[in-house]
Amino acid sequence: MEDKIAILDRLFSGLKFKNAEYNENANVCCVNFLYNPEFFTPNENNQQTIYSSLKETIGNFVNYKLNLIKCPLDKRTIANNAYTIIVNNFPSLSKDFTYNDVAVEIDNILVKVTLSLTPTCYEHATENNRQEIIEKKFKESFLADFTVEFKKKDVAESQNNIQNNMELMASIKEAEEKNVYTLSNITDIIGKTDYSLAVDYSKITSAVENMVICGEIMSTQKKTFNRTTTKNGETKINERVFYNFSLKNDGKVLYCSIFPRQADEAKGDLLQPGLKVCCYGSFREFNNKLNFTANTIARCDYVKEEIKSNFKSVNQNYHTVFPLKYIDLEQGDIFQQETKSFPGSYVVFDLETTGFDANTDEIIEFGACKVVNGRIDEIFSTFVKPTKHIPSEITTLTGITDDMVKDAPTINYILPDFYKFCYGSTMVAHNIAFDISFIYAAAKKLSFNFDNQLMDTLEMSRKKLPGLKNYKLGTVVQKLNVVLDNAHRAVNDATATAKVFIKLM
């Protein structure tokens, strides 16, 4: 069957068959295609053409489900992949091999990768046809036709590259395999969140904040609890509804709860056995067992994927963005009677971006504050040069123009320093789901593993400041008497958010 489906690659430029999965019980064949967004648009007409061709080519005896996976071509990503392929799979070629020994040229969906090798490695690679094996590995990961060529370099050039790239070479780790779930057809039930990939919850062994999981509901139970509120000296007891439900995914069962807002309580009745859902929330330990408390939940379809990640280690030194010590009179007030202190290191950050989709838009400014023992200690701030024009509506919102970022470093120079700045700290933001999605998207391309614990001042303020008209950053800072000058600039928003965070802790 897969041989026949592979013929459908010829339907469109920029479309490539990946694999097919047949569910005999449901009589459903899920067909996965990779597509390059520069050459193929997954609109309704194109999807209908693929469905019709599947029925003509294979037959109409099964129900088909189509899954289109975006696979853009990016020189930096391909070069990084080439480097890690050589280092992790061909030790005989990796002697004196550095990232600068990789050159990538892209023409439509034709990609040429040139690898510069020492004379001894060059002879070994050409005699053993290593280029064919490397080309095959590329084709498994990217939607393109690859050619790999070897180039001989002299020893002096090799030694110079090694000295200039020692830290980069040391930062590459062996590939790790992990399971994630790609989500599609998302329809909100309770609350609203920008869902991205869901994690494999069977790998979670301790309490962790702000995760997305998915699975099929096995059972549900509607319960009530009494909530006591006091207003104007009058105490009221209100009966509130919550739901317990169990999720099953890949044979693993997880017990979950959700406490909807009063306006959403009736929506919990939509949670029925057999429904496939994704949830955003946190893992908690209760009675020595790990449970999941959901903040939001939505219907969805999900597909399991196995990802190999080649993660870079944290650099010893900053190379592009150098954090500055933070000085503020509020922190140094000698007349202040109480100084709030709490243990731990936190990076409170904010981003400005070219738009609102982490998969297609880019970061144009980083702003971050490191909070240590309850005090702002350092500031990390920089513009980022994007690959696209900054839309006029973003310039109106942020004040950031193309001219302001034209001489700024690109993301591949900035992210290693931001990774170092955040390393070992809990990451904090206001509505962190938005900002962290851009960090994860950039980190995935550049092979950094931001596995930090996460906290959200939006959720903190909802819990600790009940009754506000809304919980936008401007409203919260006004309530807490925090100064926010020049809003929608990353470093100013981050500084104000850091002060809110300290007051809410």
Protein backbone atom coordinates (compact mmCIF):
# COMPACT_ATOMS: atom_id res chain seq x y z
CA MET A 1 0.00 0.00 0.00
CA GLU A 2 2.74 2.49 0.92
CA ASP A 3 4.40 2.06 -2.49
CA LYS A 4 1.15 3.11 -4.17
CA ILE A 5 0.62 6.07 -1.84
CA ALA A 6 4.18 7.27 -2.49
CA ILE A 7 3.20 7.83 -6.13
CA LEU A 8 1.02 10.71 -4.93
CA ASP A 9 4.20 12.76 -4.39
CA ARG A 10 3.82 13.69 -8.06
CA LEU A 11 0.48 15.43 -7.45
CA PHE A 12 2.01 18.65 -6.17
CA SER A 13 5.41 20.30 -6.07
CA GLY A 14 6.49 20.52 -2.43
CA LEU A 15 4.52 17.46 -1.24
CA LYS A 16 6.17 14.25 -0.05
CA PHE A 17 4.68 11.04 1.35
CA LYS A 18 6.04 10.20 4.82
CA ASN A 19 4.17 7.08 6.00
CA ALA A 20 0.73 5.54 6.51
CA GLU A 21 -0.84 3.92 9.58
CA TYR A 22 -3.83 1.56 9.29
CA ASN A 23 -6.23 1.02 12.20
CA GLU A 24 -7.89 -2.29 11.47
CA ASN A 25 -10.57 -1.95 14.17
CA ALA A 26 -11.75 1.44 12.90
CA ASN A 27 -10.91 0.66 9.25
CA VAL A 28 -9.11 4.02 9.03
CA CYS A 29 -5.87 4.66 7.18
CA CYS A 30 -4.02 7.76 8.45
CA VAL A 31 -1.76 9.05 5.65
CA ASN A 32 1.04 11.45 6.62
CA PHE A 33 2.59 13.84 4.08
CA LEU A 34 5.40 16.36 4.53
CA TYR A 35 4.99 19.67 2.72
CA ASN A 36 7.14 22.70 2.05
CA PRO A 37 5.00 25.84 2.68
CA GLU A 38 6.90 27.73 -0.02
CA PHE A 39 5.60 25.40 -2.75
CA PHE A 40 2.41 23.81 -1.41
CA THR A 41 -0.66 25.25 0.33
CA PRO A 42 -2.75 22.78 2.41
CA ASN A 43 -6.07 24.38 1.45
CA GLU A 44 -9.39 22.56 1.12
CA ASN A 45 -9.15 22.12 -2.67
CA ASN A 46 -5.67 20.58 -2.51
CA GLN A 47 -6.68 18.26 0.34
CA GLN A 48 -9.75 17.15 -1.62
CA THR A 49 -7.52 16.35 -4.61
CA ILE A 50 -5.32 14.19 -2.39
CA TYR A 51 -8.35 12.37 -0.92
CA SER A 52 -9.70 11.66 -4.44
CA SER A 53 -6.32 10.41 -5.62
CA LEU A 54 -6.00 8.13 -2.58
CA LYS A 55 -9.34 6.52 -3.39
CA GLU A 56 -8.41 6.12 -7.07
CA THR A 57 -4.92 4.77 -6.37
CA ILE A 58 -5.60 2.51 -3.36
CA GLY A 59 -9.33 1.93 -3.39
CA ASN A 60 -12.43 3.01 -1.53
CA PHE A 61 -12.52 0.10 0.93
CA VAL A 62 -11.06 2.11 3.85
CA ASN A 63 -11.70 5.52 5.38
CA TYR A 64 -8.77 7.88 4.84
CA LYS A 65 -7.48 10.47 7.28
CA LEU A 66 -5.02 13.04 5.96
CA ASN A 67 -2.24 14.58 8.10
CA LEU A 68 -0.14 17.33 6.48
CA ILE A 69 3.09 18.13 8.36
CA LYS A 70 4.85 21.42 7.63
CA CYS A 71 8.51 20.92 6.70
CA PRO A 72 10.17 24.20 5.66
CA LEU A 73 13.74 24.25 4.38
CA ASP A 74 16.12 26.33 6.47
CA LYS A 75 19.88 26.51 5.85
CA ARG A 76 20.75 26.77 9.53
CA THR A 77 18.62 23.76 10.46
CA ILE A 78 20.04 21.65 7.63
CA ALA A 79 23.61 22.66 8.48
CA ASN A 80 23.10 21.80 12.14
CA ASN A 81 21.56 18.47 11.13
CA ALA A 82 24.54 17.74 8.85
CA TYR A 83 26.99 18.49 11.64
CA THR A 84 25.27 16.23 14.14
CA ILE A 85 24.87 13.43 11.57
CA ILE A 86 28.63 13.39 11.06
CA VAL A 87 29.57 13.73 14.75
CA ASN A 88 27.08 11.15 16.03
CA ASN A 89 27.10 8.57 13.22
CA PHE A 90 30.51 8.71 11.53
CA PRO A 91 33.31 8.96 14.10
CA SER A 92 35.83 8.11 11.38
CA LEU A 93 34.91 11.38 9.60
CA SER A 94 34.49 13.64 12.62
CA LYS A 95 38.21 14.12 13.38
CA ASP A 96 38.92 17.86 13.13
CA PHE A 97 35.37 18.41 11.80
CA THR A 98 33.58 21.62 12.88
CA TYR A 99 30.28 23.35 12.18
CA ASN A 100 32.08 25.75 9.78
CA ASP A 101 32.93 22.75 7.58
CA VAL A 102 29.28 22.54 6.46
CA ALA A 103 28.02 24.57 3.47
CA VAL A 104 24.38 24.48 2.33
CA GLU A 105 22.88 25.71 -0.95
CA ILE A 106 19.09 25.58 -1.59
CA ASP A 107 17.43 25.81 -5.01
CA ASN A 108 13.65 25.13 -4.90
CA ILE A 109 13.52 21.66 -3.27
CA LEU A 110 17.07 20.83 -4.40
CA VAL A 111 19.60 21.01 -1.56
CA LYS A 112 23.35 20.68 -1.97
CA VAL A 113 25.42 20.01 1.16
CA THR A 114 29.20 20.32 0.94
CA LEU A 115 31.29 18.85 3.75
CA SER A 116 34.93 19.87 4.12
CA LEU A 117 37.07 17.01 5.47
CA THR A 118 40.73 16.48 6.29
CA PRO A 119 42.67 14.65 3.55
CA THR A 120 42.58 11.32 5.40
CA CYS A 121 38.84 11.57 6.16
CA TYR A 122 38.16 12.72 2.60
CA GLU A 123 39.81 9.63 1.12
CA HIS A 124 37.92 7.34 3.53
CA ALA A 125 34.56 9.00 2.80
CA THR A 126 34.86 8.89 -0.99
CA GLU A 127 36.15 5.31 -1.09
CA ASN A 128 33.23 4.06 1.06
CA ASN A 129 30.45 6.08 -0.65
CA ARG A 130 29.49 7.78 2.61
CA GLN A 131 27.68 10.52 0.69
CA GLU A 132 24.88 8.09 -0.24
CA ILE A 133 24.26 7.16 3.41
CA ILE A 134 24.26 10.81 4.48
CA GLU A 135 21.89 11.76 1.63
CA LYS A 136 19.49 9.03 2.78
CA LYS A 137 19.50 10.38 6.36
CA PHE A 138 18.71 13.87 5.07
CA LYS A 139 15.79 12.62 2.97
CA GLU A 140 14.29 10.95 6.05
CA SER A 141 14.15 14.30 7.84
CA PHE A 142 13.48 16.94 5.18
CA LEU A 143 11.23 17.43 2.16
CA ALA A 144 13.86 17.88 -0.56
CA ASP A 145 16.23 16.14 -2.95
CA PHE A 146 19.71 16.12 -1.45
CA THR A 147 23.15 15.84 -2.96
CA VAL A 148 26.16 15.55 -0.67
CA GLU A 149 29.68 16.38 -1.81
CA PHE A 150 33.00 16.09 0.02
CA LYS A 151 35.70 18.74 -0.21
CA LYS A 152 39.31 18.33 0.86
CA LYS A 153 40.70 20.96 3.24
CA ASP A 154 44.25 21.60 4.32
CA VAL A 155 45.51 20.88 7.83
CA ALA A 156 46.21 24.55 8.68
CA GLU A 157 42.59 25.49 7.93
CA SER A 158 41.42 22.57 10.06
CA GLN A 159 43.48 23.62 13.08
CA ASN A 160 42.27 27.23 12.83
CA ASN A 161 38.63 26.16 12.74
CA ILE A 162 39.09 23.93 15.77
CA GLN A 163 40.47 26.77 17.88
CA ASN A 164 37.60 29.07 16.88
CA ASN A 165 34.87 26.50 17.51
CA MET A 166 35.95 24.57 20.61
CA GLU A 167 32.96 25.68 22.67
CA LEU A 168 30.50 24.91 19.86
CA MET A 169 31.95 21.42 19.34
CA ALA A 170 31.79 20.68 23.07
CA SER A 171 28.15 21.78 23.20
CA ILE A 172 26.81 19.06 20.88
CA LYS A 173 25.28 16.08 22.67
CA GLU A 174 24.28 12.68 21.42
CA ALA A 175 20.80 12.40 19.94
CA GLU A 176 17.99 11.69 22.38
CA GLU A 177 14.70 10.09 21.37
CA LYS A 178 11.45 11.40 22.79
CA ASN A 179 7.78 10.98 21.96
CA VAL A 180 5.58 13.98 21.29
CA TYR A 181 2.09 14.34 19.82
CA THR A 182 1.17 16.63 16.94
CA LEU A 183 -2.28 18.14 17.55
CA SER A 184 -4.89 19.05 14.93
CA ASN A 185 -8.61 19.86 14.60
CA ILE A 186 -8.60 21.64 17.99
CA THR A 187 -11.96 22.83 19.35
CA ASP A 188 -12.04 24.51 22.78
CA ILE A 189 -14.34 23.03 25.46
CA ILE A 190 -13.31 24.77 28.71
CA GLY A 191 -10.99 27.77 28.52
CA LYS A 192 -8.77 28.74 25.62
CA THR A 193 -5.06 28.10 25.05
CA ASP A 194 -2.73 28.15 22.05
CA TYR A 195 -1.93 24.43 22.00
CA SER A 196 1.24 23.25 20.25
CA LEU A 197 2.87 19.84 20.70
CA ALA A 198 1.70 17.58 23.52
CA VAL A 199 4.23 15.73 25.68
CA ASP A 200 4.33 12.00 26.44
CA TYR A 201 2.98 12.10 29.98
CA SER A 202 4.25 8.58 30.76
CA LYS A 203 7.74 10.16 31.04
CA ILE A 204 6.70 12.71 33.71
CA THR A 205 7.76 11.51 37.16
CA SER A 206 7.51 14.64 39.33
CA ALA A 207 5.45 17.81 39.74
CA VAL A 208 5.88 20.17 36.78
CA GLU A 209 4.06 23.33 35.70
CA ASN A 210 2.47 24.33 32.39
CA MET A 211 2.42 21.25 30.17
CA VAL A 212 0.19 20.13 27.29
CA ILE A 213 -0.94 16.49 27.27
CA CYS A 214 -3.46 14.54 25.20
CA GLY A 215 -5.39 11.28 25.29
CA GLU A 216 -8.79 9.62 25.16
CA ILE A 217 -11.21 10.13 28.04
CA MET A 218 -11.94 6.80 29.75
CA SER A 219 -14.26 7.96 32.55
CA THR A 220 -15.63 11.20 34.04
CA GLN A 221 -17.11 12.17 37.40
CA LYS A 222 -18.87 15.42 38.25
CA LYS A 223 -18.34 16.62 41.83
CA THR A 224 -18.96 19.71 43.95
CA PHE A 225 -17.07 21.60 46.63
CA ASN A 226 -17.88 24.60 48.83
CA ARG A 227 -16.02 27.83 48.15
CA THR A 228 -16.00 30.47 50.90
CA THR A 229 -15.72 34.15 49.94
CA THR A 230 -15.75 37.28 52.07
CA LYS A 231 -16.87 40.66 50.74
CA ASN A 232 -17.64 43.79 52.76
CA GLY A 233 -17.43 41.73 55.93
CA GLU A 234 -20.06 39.26 54.69
CA THR A 235 -19.08 35.62 54.29
CA LYS A 236 -20.75 33.51 51.62
CA ILE A 237 -20.50 29.81 50.89
CA ASN A 238 -21.00 28.91 47.22
CA GLU A 239 -21.25 25.40 45.85
CA ARG A 240 -18.93 24.98 42.87
CA VAL A 241 -18.53 22.18 40.35
CA PHE A 242 -15.37 20.35 39.32
CA TYR A 243 -14.72 17.28 37.17
CA ASN A 244 -12.47 14.28 37.64
CA PHE A 245 -11.61 12.34 34.50
CA SER A 246 -9.11 9.72 33.39
CA LEU A 247 -7.09 9.90 30.19
CA LYS A 248 -5.62 6.96 28.33
CA ASN A 249 -2.86 7.25 25.76
CA ASP A 250 -0.63 4.48 24.43
CA GLY A 251 -1.83 2.17 27.21
CA LYS A 252 -1.02 4.63 30.00
CA VAL A 253 -3.83 6.00 32.22
CA LEU A 254 -3.57 9.39 33.95
CA TYR A 255 -6.05 10.76 36.49
CA CYS A 256 -6.97 14.42 35.92
CA SER A 257 -9.14 17.20 37.34
CA ILE A 258 -10.43 20.50 36.06
CA PHE A 259 -12.03 23.31 38.11
CA PRO A 260 -13.88 25.45 35.54
CA ARG A 261 -14.98 28.99 36.08
CA GLN A 262 -18.60 29.31 37.14
CA ALA A 263 -19.65 30.42 33.64
CA ASP A 264 -18.07 27.27 32.15
CA GLU A 265 -19.29 24.68 34.67
CA ALA A 266 -22.00 23.29 32.35
CA LYS A 267 -19.44 22.74 29.59
CA GLY A 268 -17.88 19.99 31.68
CA ASP A 269 -20.83 17.79 30.77
CA LEU A 270 -19.31 17.59 27.27
CA LEU A 271 -16.46 15.50 28.70
CA GLN A 272 -17.61 12.01 27.77
CA PRO A 273 -15.79 8.64 27.51
CA GLY A 274 -14.29 8.09 24.08
CA LEU A 275 -13.62 11.81 23.43
CA LYS A 276 -10.07 12.65 22.32
CA VAL A 277 -8.82 15.78 24.07
CA CYS A 278 -5.74 17.89 24.80
CA CYS A 279 -5.27 19.66 28.14
CA TYR A 280 -3.05 22.50 29.36
CA GLY A 281 -2.17 22.44 33.06
CA SER A 282 0.24 21.12 35.68
CA PHE A 283 1.26 17.84 37.28
CA ARG A 284 0.70 17.73 41.03
CA GLU A 285 1.54 15.22 43.74
CA PHE A 286 -1.51 14.23 45.80
CA ASN A 287 -1.51 11.36 48.32
CA ASN A 288 1.90 10.28 46.98
CA LYS A 289 0.49 9.96 43.45
CA LEU A 290 1.03 12.13 40.39
CA ASN A 291 -2.15 13.70 39.01
CA PHE A 292 -2.82 16.36 36.40
CA THR A 293 -4.82 19.53 37.10
CA ALA A 294 -6.05 21.02 33.83
CA ASN A 295 -6.59 24.75 33.32
CA THR A 296 -8.10 24.30 29.84
CA ILE A 297 -9.30 21.39 27.74
CA ALA A 298 -10.20 21.00 24.04
CA ARG A 299 -11.28 18.35 21.57
CA CYS A 300 -8.52 17.35 19.17
CA ASP A 301 -6.94 14.72 16.98
CA TYR A 302 -3.37 13.71 17.75
CA VAL A 303 -0.56 11.79 16.03
CA LYS A 304 2.42 10.32 17.85
CA GLU A 305 5.88 11.23 16.58
CA GLU A 306 9.34 10.15 17.61
CA ILE A 307 11.81 13.02 17.54
CA LYS A 308 15.58 12.80 17.67
CA SER A 309 17.02 15.94 19.23
CA ASN A 310 20.67 16.91 19.18
CA PHE A 311 20.90 19.34 22.07
CA LYS A 312 23.69 21.84 22.61
CA SER A 313 25.09 22.30 26.08
CA VAL A 314 25.23 25.66 27.83
CA ASN A 315 28.17 27.88 26.84
CA GLN A 316 30.77 28.85 29.41
CA ASN A 317 30.85 32.45 28.18
CA TYR A 318 28.50 35.03 26.70
CA HIS A 319 29.45 35.84 23.12
CA THR A 320 26.90 38.32 21.70
CA VAL A 321 24.57 39.66 24.42
CA PHE A 322 26.19 40.52 27.73
CA PRO A 323 23.79 40.88 30.71
CA LEU A 324 24.01 44.08 32.75
CA LYS A 325 23.66 44.50 36.50
CA TYR A 326 20.28 45.96 37.47
CA ILE A 327 20.25 49.09 39.66
CA ASP A 328 16.95 50.45 40.96
CA LEU A 329 16.26 52.84 43.81
CA GLU A 330 13.24 50.80 44.93
CA GLN A 331 15.51 47.85 45.69
CA GLY A 332 18.09 49.97 47.46
CA ASP A 333 15.80 52.13 49.60
CA ILE A 334 17.51 52.34 53.01
CA PHE A 335 14.23 53.45 54.61
CA GLN A 336 12.39 50.33 53.41
CA GLN A 337 11.27 48.44 56.51
CA GLU A 338 10.74 45.05 54.89
CA THR A 339 12.66 43.38 52.10
CA LYS A 340 10.81 40.53 50.44
CA SER A 341 13.02 37.53 49.85
CA PHE A 342 12.43 34.02 48.54
CA PRO A 343 14.94 31.41 47.42
CA GLY A 344 15.71 30.42 43.87
CA SER A 345 16.63 31.90 40.51
CA TYR A 346 13.96 33.09 38.07
CA VAL A 347 14.20 34.62 34.60
CA VAL A 348 11.22 36.89 33.92
CA PHE A 349 11.10 37.55 30.18
CA ASP A 350 9.09 39.18 27.44
CA LEU A 351 9.38 39.06 23.65
CA GLU A 352 8.32 41.28 20.78
CA THR A 353 7.60 39.41 17.56
CA THR A 354 6.62 40.00 13.92
CA GLY A 355 3.23 38.38 14.56
CA PHE A 356 1.35 35.89 16.68
CA ASP A 357 2.16 32.50 15.12
CA ALA A 358 5.34 30.91 16.51
CA ASN A 359 5.58 28.62 13.47
CA THR A 360 5.73 31.44 10.91
CA ASP A 361 6.59 34.65 12.79
CA GLU A 362 9.90 35.65 14.39
CA ILE A 363 11.31 37.24 17.54
CA ILE A 364 12.48 40.86 17.07
CA GLU A 365 13.32 41.77 20.68
CA PHE A 366 14.30 39.98 23.90
CA GLY A 367 13.84 41.53 27.32
CA ALA A 368 14.54 39.57 30.51
CA CYS A 369 15.31 40.09 34.19
CA LYS A 370 17.02 37.55 36.41
CA VAL A 371 15.47 37.50 39.89
CA VAL A 372 17.68 35.96 42.59
CA ASN A 373 16.50 35.64 46.20
CA GLY A 374 13.58 37.97 45.52
CA ARG A 375 15.60 40.80 43.91
CA ILE A 376 16.21 41.75 40.29
CA ASP A 377 19.89 41.04 39.69
CA GLU A 378 20.61 41.26 35.94
CA ILE A 379 19.04 42.53 32.70
CA PHE A 380 19.22 40.80 29.30
CA SER A 381 18.10 43.02 26.41
CA THR A 382 18.64 42.96 22.65
CA PHE A 383 16.99 43.53 19.30
CA VAL A 384 16.92 40.60 16.86
CA LYS A 385 17.26 40.91 13.09
CA PRO A 386 14.40 38.89 11.51
CA THR A 387 14.39 37.38 8.02
CA LYS A 388 11.16 39.20 7.12
CA HIS A 389 9.75 42.73 7.07
CA ILE A 390 8.17 43.93 10.33
CA PRO A 391 4.43 44.51 9.62
CA SER A 392 3.12 48.05 10.07
CA GLU A 393 0.66 46.96 12.77
CA ILE A 394 3.56 45.54 14.84
CA THR A 395 5.52 48.78 14.41
CA THR A 396 2.43 50.70 15.58
CA LEU A 397 2.11 48.43 18.64
CA THR A 398 5.79 48.22 19.65
CA GLY A 399 7.50 51.18 17.98
CA ILE A 400 10.08 48.79 16.50
CA THR A 401 10.95 49.48 12.83
CA ASP A 402 13.01 47.64 10.22
CA ASP A 403 15.76 50.26 10.57
CA MET A 404 16.02 49.62 14.33
CA VAL A 405 16.80 45.92 13.83
CA LYS A 406 18.73 45.94 10.55
CA ASP A 407 22.13 45.88 12.29
CA ALA A 408 21.06 43.61 15.18
CA PRO A 409 22.38 40.04 15.56
CA THR A 410 20.25 37.22 14.13
CA ILE A 411 18.54 34.68 16.38
CA ASN A 412 21.26 32.04 15.94
CA TYR A 413 23.76 34.37 17.68
CA ILE A 414 21.39 35.50 20.43
CA LEU A 415 19.70 32.25 21.49
CA PRO A 416 22.91 30.60 22.87
CA ASP A 417 23.39 33.58 25.19
CA PHE A 418 19.72 33.62 26.24
CA TYR A 419 19.96 29.87 26.91
CA LYS A 420 22.95 30.55 29.17
CA PHE A 421 21.07 33.40 30.90
CA CYS A 422 18.10 31.08 31.63
CA TYR A 423 20.07 27.94 32.47
CA GLY A 424 19.15 26.57 35.89
CA SER A 425 16.38 29.14 36.43
CA THR A 426 12.59 28.95 36.39
CA MET A 427 11.25 30.91 33.40
CA VAL A 428 8.42 33.37 34.11
CA ALA A 429 6.22 35.49 31.81
CA HIS A 430 2.78 37.10 31.68
CA ASN A 431 0.70 34.67 29.57
CA ILE A 432 3.76 32.47 29.19
CA ALA A 433 2.11 30.13 26.67
CA PHE A 434 2.58 32.79 23.97
CA ASP A 435 6.19 33.79 24.66
CA ILE A 436 7.48 30.29 25.38
CA SER A 437 6.04 28.99 22.09
CA PHE A 438 8.43 31.33 20.22
CA ILE A 439 11.36 30.24 22.41
CA TYR A 440 10.58 26.56 21.76
CA ALA A 441 10.22 27.13 18.01
CA ALA A 442 13.62 28.89 17.80
CA ALA A 443 15.25 26.36 20.14
CA LYS A 444 14.03 23.44 18.03
CA LYS A 445 15.69 24.89 14.91
CA LEU A 446 18.96 25.61 16.72
CA SER A 447 19.04 22.45 18.90
CA PHE A 448 18.75 23.96 22.38
CA ASN A 449 16.72 22.21 25.06
CA PHE A 450 14.79 24.74 27.15
CA ASP A 451 13.48 22.28 29.74
CA ASN A 452 13.15 24.93 32.49
CA GLN A 453 10.27 24.94 34.96
CA LEU A 454 7.66 27.55 33.97
CA MET A 455 5.50 30.02 35.92
CA ASP A 456 2.83 32.42 34.65
CA THR A 457 2.12 35.77 36.33
CA LEU A 458 -1.23 35.84 34.52
CA GLU A 459 -2.35 32.74 36.44
CA MET A 460 -0.72 34.00 39.65
CA SER A 461 -2.59 37.33 39.45
CA ARG A 462 -5.92 35.61 38.78
CA LYS A 463 -5.49 33.60 41.97
CA LYS A 464 -4.09 36.35 44.20
CA LEU A 465 -5.92 39.40 42.84
CA PRO A 466 -9.54 38.31 42.43
CA GLY A 467 -12.10 40.76 41.11
CA LEU A 468 -10.03 42.74 38.57
CA LYS A 469 -11.86 43.82 35.41
CA ASN A 470 -9.23 41.92 33.40
CA TYR A 471 -5.75 40.53 33.97
CA LYS A 472 -3.75 42.26 31.27
CA LEU A 473 -0.29 43.34 32.39
CA GLY A 474 -1.31 47.02 32.39
CA THR A 475 -4.23 46.33 34.73
CA VAL A 476 -2.15 44.20 37.12
CA VAL A 477 0.72 46.69 37.39
CA GLN A 478 -1.78 49.46 38.14
CA LYS A 479 -3.33 47.38 40.92
CA LEU A 480 0.09 46.66 42.47
CA ASN A 481 1.43 50.23 41.98
CA VAL A 482 4.18 49.06 39.63
CA VAL A 483 5.45 51.58 37.06
CA LEU A 484 5.25 50.45 33.43
CA ASP A 485 6.80 53.00 31.04
CA ASN A 486 6.78 52.47 27.27
CA ALA A 487 4.65 49.30 27.26
CA HIS A 488 5.09 46.76 24.46
CA ARG A 489 8.85 47.09 24.52
CA ALA A 490 10.35 43.85 25.75
CA VAL A 491 12.77 45.01 28.45
CA ASN A 492 10.21 47.43 29.97
CA ASP A 493 7.46 44.80 30.02
CA ALA A 494 9.89 42.25 31.46
CA THR A 495 11.02 44.62 34.24
CA ALA A 496 7.43 45.45 35.18
CA THR A 497 6.50 41.76 35.09
CA ALA A 498 9.48 40.93 37.33
CA LYS A 499 8.26 43.46 39.92
CA VAL A 500 4.73 41.99 39.70
CA PHE A 501 6.18 38.51 40.13
CA ILE A 502 8.12 39.52 43.24
CA LYS A 503 5.01 41.09 44.82
CA LEU A 504 2.85 38.06 44.04
CA MET A 505 5.32 35.50 45.43
